[in-house]
């Protein structure tokens, strides 16, 4: 196949994939925000169950990794700042980097490994066992029944996890600042609050909401596209993780550029 045809086919496949994600996200948004006002109940019990799995059960691993990431970033920042005699700016660097970028992104990657893969595995297993067909036979719309509760749980819990990850990352950086950079906990947090503005926090939270939408859409889409056989469930799960990480980083790039060019001068 000529190079131009390969590029064209890949472009068409990519656009079709994005269209599938948009269809899932749109159907879930309708089920969450519109259908309840038309007398169609949202399955809140399933959403709460998903929220517990996505958010509460992820707190230990998110806390630990965010703490270590904050400490690592403080060490790397101090390595350069010490050469300039500006070690007091470690708190500023950690606070801005964690809230704007590292907190949302690391949280999203951890959630992909925990929840995005489980979404694909759950729906893929149902597809292999023909449970999706059974739902349609009983007049249950799969998007409303399976996907919408996951979307609601993810867009609510991922910003909460990100906020907690930001806090733990700052604590990790603070441990280095207090032990090696001459800070006290009071002065470290004072520098942190002085360095941050509301925009730093809100940009990270907006990213986290978009990451939640992407993770859920990709995981569910890969689940629905699972072929026949148990082996295909594993392939769908792997594909969901890889594609979710790629899509999350792509969305991160887009929103980082958007926030940069719209930032007040």
Protein backbone atom coordinates (compact mmCIF):
# COMPACT_ATOMS: atom_id res chain seq x y z
CA UNK A 1 0.00 0.00 0.00
CA UNK A 2 1.41 3.42 -0.94
CA UNK A 3 2.43 5.76 1.86
CA UNK A 4 -0.34 8.25 1.10
CA UNK A 5 -2.99 5.54 1.26
CA UNK A 6 -1.60 4.29 4.58
CA UNK A 7 -1.70 7.80 6.04
CA UNK A 8 -5.24 8.31 4.74
CA UNK A 9 -6.47 5.01 6.15
CA UNK A 10 -4.86 5.72 9.52
CA UNK A 11 -6.43 9.19 9.57
CA UNK A 12 -9.88 7.80 8.79
CA UNK A 13 -9.51 5.11 11.47
CA UNK A 14 -8.39 7.73 13.99
CA UNK A 15 -11.32 10.00 13.25
CA UNK A 16 -13.72 7.06 13.48
CA UNK A 17 -12.23 6.15 16.85
CA UNK A 18 -12.62 9.69 18.15
CA UNK A 19 -16.19 9.62 16.84
CA UNK A 20 -16.90 6.47 18.85
CA UNK A 21 -15.51 8.13 21.98
CA UNK A 22 -17.64 11.22 21.35
CA UNK A 23 -20.74 9.04 20.88
CA UNK A 24 -20.16 7.29 24.19
CA UNK A 25 -19.48 10.56 25.99
CA UNK A 26 -22.53 12.23 24.44
CA UNK A 27 -24.82 9.32 25.26
CA UNK A 28 -23.58 9.28 28.84
CA UNK A 29 -24.01 13.04 29.19
CA UNK A 30 -27.59 12.71 27.99
CA UNK A 31 -28.25 9.90 30.46
CA UNK A 32 -26.75 11.90 33.35
CA UNK A 33 -27.97 15.44 32.71
CA UNK A 34 -31.08 15.19 30.49
CA UNK A 35 -32.84 11.84 30.89
CA UNK A 36 -33.54 12.25 34.66
CA UNK A 37 -35.69 15.28 33.81
CA UNK A 38 -37.63 13.15 31.32
CA UNK A 39 -38.59 10.53 33.88
CA UNK A 40 -35.76 8.10 33.17
CA UNK A 41 -33.92 7.38 36.41
CA UNK A 42 -30.17 7.38 36.58
CA UNK A 43 -28.79 4.31 38.32
CA UNK A 44 -27.21 6.11 41.26
CA UNK A 45 -26.48 2.90 43.15
CA UNK A 46 -24.21 1.75 40.33
CA UNK A 47 -22.61 5.20 40.16
CA UNK A 48 -21.90 5.14 43.91
CA UNK A 49 -20.40 1.66 43.62
CA UNK A 50 -18.17 2.86 40.77
CA UNK A 51 -17.22 6.00 42.74
CA UNK A 52 -16.05 3.85 45.65
CA UNK A 53 -13.95 1.71 43.32
CA UNK A 54 -12.54 4.63 41.34
CA UNK A 55 -11.98 7.07 44.20
CA UNK A 56 -11.93 5.70 47.73
CA UNK A 57 -10.11 2.46 46.94
CA UNK A 58 -7.48 4.37 44.95
CA UNK A 59 -6.53 6.70 47.81
CA UNK A 60 -3.67 4.59 49.25
CA UNK A 61 -1.77 4.18 45.97
CA UNK A 62 -2.47 7.76 44.86
CA UNK A 63 -1.23 9.08 48.21
CA UNK A 64 1.95 7.05 48.16
CA UNK A 65 2.96 7.76 44.57
CA UNK A 66 2.06 11.46 44.76
CA UNK A 67 4.13 11.81 47.94
CA UNK A 68 7.14 10.23 46.24
CA UNK A 69 6.68 12.30 43.07
CA UNK A 70 6.60 15.50 45.12
CA UNK A 71 9.80 14.49 46.92
CA UNK A 72 11.53 13.52 43.67
CA UNK A 73 10.60 16.80 42.02
CA UNK A 74 11.86 18.74 45.05
CA UNK A 75 15.19 16.89 44.85
CA UNK A 76 15.55 17.54 41.13
CA UNK A 77 14.59 21.20 41.51
CA UNK A 78 17.00 21.69 44.40
CA UNK A 79 19.84 20.20 42.34
CA UNK A 80 19.61 23.09 39.88
CA UNK A 81 18.42 25.84 42.22
CA UNK A 82 21.29 25.20 44.60
CA UNK A 83 23.74 26.16 41.84
CA UNK A 84 22.00 29.53 41.56
CA UNK A 85 21.79 30.07 45.31
CA UNK A 86 18.00 30.00 45.08
CA UNK A 87 17.14 26.98 47.17
CA UNK A 88 14.26 28.91 48.76
CA UNK A 89 12.33 28.57 45.50
CA UNK A 90 11.98 24.80 45.88
CA UNK A 91 8.55 25.24 47.50
CA UNK A 92 7.38 27.45 44.63
CA UNK A 93 8.56 25.00 41.97
CA UNK A 94 6.98 21.99 43.66
CA UNK A 95 3.65 23.73 44.27
CA UNK A 96 3.23 25.00 40.69
CA UNK A 97 4.45 21.81 38.99
CA UNK A 98 2.30 19.53 41.13
CA UNK A 99 -0.95 21.51 40.89
CA UNK A 100 -0.71 22.40 37.20
CA UNK A 101 0.76 19.23 35.73
CA UNK A 102 2.14 16.37 37.80
CA UNK A 103 -0.82 15.93 40.14
CA UNK A 104 -3.52 15.61 37.45
CA UNK A 105 -1.34 13.60 35.07
CA UNK A 106 0.03 11.10 37.58
CA UNK A 107 -3.43 10.62 39.08
CA UNK A 108 -4.88 9.97 35.64
CA UNK A 109 -2.21 7.38 34.82
CA UNK A 110 -2.82 5.58 38.12
CA UNK A 111 -6.58 5.60 37.50
CA UNK A 112 -6.02 4.23 34.00
CA UNK A 113 -4.14 1.28 35.46
CA UNK A 114 -6.78 0.64 38.13
CA UNK A 115 -10.13 1.66 36.64
CA UNK A 116 -9.73 2.19 32.90
CA UNK A 117 -8.48 -1.36 32.50
CA UNK A 118 -11.26 -2.72 34.71
CA UNK A 119 -13.90 -0.93 32.62
CA UNK A 120 -12.59 -2.62 29.49
CA UNK A 121 -12.34 -6.01 31.20
CA UNK A 122 -15.83 -5.80 32.71
CA UNK A 123 -17.60 -4.78 29.51
CA UNK A 124 -15.42 -7.07 27.40
CA UNK A 125 -16.34 -10.06 29.55
CA UNK A 126 -20.01 -9.15 29.28
CA UNK A 127 -19.61 -8.92 25.51
CA UNK A 128 -17.96 -12.35 25.30
CA UNK A 129 -20.68 -13.87 27.51
CA UNK A 130 -23.37 -12.21 25.37
CA UNK A 131 -24.66 -10.25 28.37
CA UNK A 132 -24.66 -7.05 26.27
CA UNK A 133 -27.04 -8.71 23.82
CA UNK A 134 -29.20 -9.85 26.74
CA UNK A 135 -29.43 -6.26 28.03
CA UNK A 136 -30.54 -5.02 24.62
CA UNK A 137 -33.09 -7.83 24.42
CA UNK A 138 -34.54 -6.69 27.75
CA UNK A 139 -34.72 -3.08 26.44
CA UNK A 140 -31.82 -1.85 28.56
CA UNK A 141 -29.65 0.58 26.64
CA UNK A 142 -26.03 -0.48 27.34
CA UNK A 143 -24.71 3.09 27.38
CA UNK A 144 -27.32 4.20 29.91
CA UNK A 145 -27.02 1.06 32.02
CA UNK A 146 -23.26 0.44 31.96
CA UNK A 147 -21.39 3.53 30.79
CA UNK A 148 -23.25 6.50 32.30
CA UNK A 149 -22.65 5.46 35.96
CA UNK A 150 -18.94 5.08 35.19
CA UNK A 151 -18.82 8.54 33.61
CA UNK A 152 -20.58 10.14 36.57
CA UNK A 153 -18.28 8.42 39.06
CA UNK A 154 -15.16 9.35 37.13
CA UNK A 155 -15.91 13.04 36.57
CA UNK A 156 -16.76 13.40 40.26
CA UNK A 157 -13.96 11.39 41.79
CA UNK A 158 -10.99 12.21 39.58
CA UNK A 159 -10.92 15.91 40.59
CA UNK A 160 -11.17 14.81 44.24
CA UNK A 161 -8.28 12.39 43.77
CA UNK A 162 -6.30 15.09 41.99
CA UNK A 163 -6.83 17.53 44.86
CA UNK A 164 -5.60 14.92 47.33
CA UNK A 165 -2.65 14.08 45.06
CA UNK A 166 -1.73 17.77 44.94
CA UNK A 167 -1.74 17.90 48.73
CA UNK A 168 0.36 14.75 49.10
CA UNK A 169 2.81 15.97 46.46
CA UNK A 170 3.28 19.23 48.36
CA UNK A 171 3.80 17.24 51.57
CA UNK A 172 6.44 15.13 49.81
CA UNK A 173 8.26 18.24 48.64
CA UNK A 174 7.88 19.75 52.09
CA UNK A 175 9.63 16.80 53.71
CA UNK A 176 12.71 17.54 51.63
CA UNK A 177 12.36 21.28 52.23
CA UNK A 178 12.20 20.86 55.99
CA UNK A 179 15.01 18.32 56.29
CA UNK A 180 17.48 19.63 53.68
CA UNK A 181 16.54 23.14 52.52
CA UNK A 182 16.24 25.01 55.80
CA UNK A 183 12.46 25.38 55.83
CA UNK A 184 10.07 24.83 58.68
CA UNK A 185 6.65 23.41 57.90
CA UNK A 186 5.12 26.86 58.53
CA UNK A 187 7.51 28.69 56.20
CA UNK A 188 7.24 25.94 53.57
CA UNK A 189 3.46 26.15 53.41
CA UNK A 190 3.66 29.93 53.50
CA UNK A 191 5.88 29.90 50.41
CA UNK A 192 3.59 27.36 48.78
CA UNK A 193 0.47 29.51 49.25
CA UNK A 194 2.34 32.62 48.09
CA UNK A 195 3.44 30.84 44.91
CA UNK A 196 0.01 29.52 43.96
CA UNK A 197 -2.84 31.44 42.40
CA UNK A 198 -6.36 30.17 41.82
CA UNK A 199 -5.64 29.57 38.14
CA UNK A 200 -2.92 27.03 39.00
CA UNK A 201 -5.40 24.88 40.91
CA UNK A 202 -8.34 25.28 38.53
CA UNK A 203 -6.32 24.37 35.43
CA UNK A 204 -5.31 21.11 37.07
CA UNK A 205 -8.89 20.32 38.09
CA UNK A 206 -10.24 21.11 34.60
CA UNK A 207 -7.64 18.76 33.15
CA UNK A 208 -8.66 16.06 35.62
CA UNK A 209 -12.30 16.25 34.50
CA UNK A 210 -11.25 15.91 30.85
CA UNK A 211 -8.95 13.03 31.76
CA UNK A 212 -11.84 11.29 33.49
CA UNK A 213 -14.01 11.60 30.39
CA UNK A 214 -11.24 10.25 28.16
CA UNK A 215 -10.35 7.33 30.45
CA UNK A 216 -13.97 6.20 30.75
CA UNK A 217 -14.73 6.60 27.05
CA UNK A 218 -11.64 4.68 25.93
CA UNK A 219 -12.08 1.90 28.49
CA UNK A 220 -15.74 1.37 27.65
CA UNK A 221 -15.17 1.63 23.91
CA UNK A 222 -12.46 -1.03 24.02
CA UNK A 223 -14.78 -3.21 26.08
CA UNK A 224 -17.61 -2.92 23.56
CA UNK A 225 -15.23 -3.72 20.68
CA UNK A 226 -13.99 -6.96 22.29
CA UNK A 227 -14.02 -9.94 19.96
CA UNK A 228 -15.06 -13.48 20.75
CA UNK A 229 -12.98 -15.50 23.20
CA UNK A 230 -11.42 -14.87 26.57
CA UNK A 231 -8.10 -13.96 24.95
CA UNK A 232 -9.77 -10.94 23.37
CA UNK A 233 -10.68 -9.59 26.82
CA UNK A 234 -6.99 -9.38 27.70
CA UNK A 235 -6.21 -7.67 24.41
CA UNK A 236 -8.99 -5.16 24.95
CA UNK A 237 -7.72 -4.42 28.46
CA UNK A 238 -4.17 -3.86 27.21
CA UNK A 239 -5.41 -1.71 24.35
CA UNK A 240 -7.51 0.36 26.76
CA UNK A 241 -4.49 1.13 28.94
CA UNK A 242 -2.18 2.03 26.06
CA UNK A 243 -4.73 4.15 24.20
CA UNK A 244 -5.92 5.86 27.38
CA UNK A 245 -2.38 6.94 28.27
CA UNK A 246 -1.84 8.26 24.75
CA UNK A 247 -5.18 10.12 24.70
CA UNK A 248 -4.66 11.56 28.18
CA UNK A 249 -1.24 12.95 27.23
CA UNK A 250 -2.67 14.35 24.00
CA UNK A 251 -5.52 16.05 25.87
CA UNK A 252 -3.00 17.31 28.41
CA UNK A 253 -0.96 18.88 25.63
CA UNK A 254 -4.01 20.54 24.09
CA UNK A 255 -5.25 22.03 27.36
CA UNK A 256 -1.77 23.08 28.48
CA UNK A 257 -1.33 24.98 25.23
CA UNK A 258 -4.83 26.45 25.58
CA UNK A 259 -4.16 27.66 29.12
CA UNK A 260 -0.78 29.05 28.08
CA UNK A 261 -2.12 31.12 25.19
CA UNK A 262 -5.14 32.37 27.15
CA UNK A 263 -3.18 33.23 30.29
CA UNK A 264 -3.22 36.93 31.25
CA UNK A 265 -0.02 38.72 30.31
